[in-house]
Amino acid sequence: MADEGWRPTGTEDEVIAALLPLQQAVSEGMLVEQDLSQSAFPYPPLSLQDGLVARCVVPLGPDGDIGVLVLAHAGSAPRGFTSLCQRVASTMGVTAGRMLEGQLVR
């Protein structure tokens, strides 16, 4: 969870419920939504109505089976995700997934 700036207003269970469809969506690779007003996943508390404008979701582990890394831009600083942002997010996801896989094996 972010430690500064925008934070979800929902409960932990509501955040988890909003993440589950995103985890399923990234089973084949990263999901980039440059405009959340067009999102197929408008679930609170991670939606446009909650203050987010763009979202990048990266699978952790093969097919996202470990979880997801979600990066978002809020309305207070609206912008999309450049190709560089997407490459960095992908690298973060691969690295985090490998680290988590190593911890799960132990």
Foldseek 3Di string as FASTA:
>chain_A
DDPDDDDFPDDPVQVVVLFVVVLQVQLPFKDWFLAQVPDPRQGPPVGVVVFWGIKIWGAQARSNPVHIDIDTDGPVDRGGADPVNVVVRHVVRDVRSVVVVVVVVD
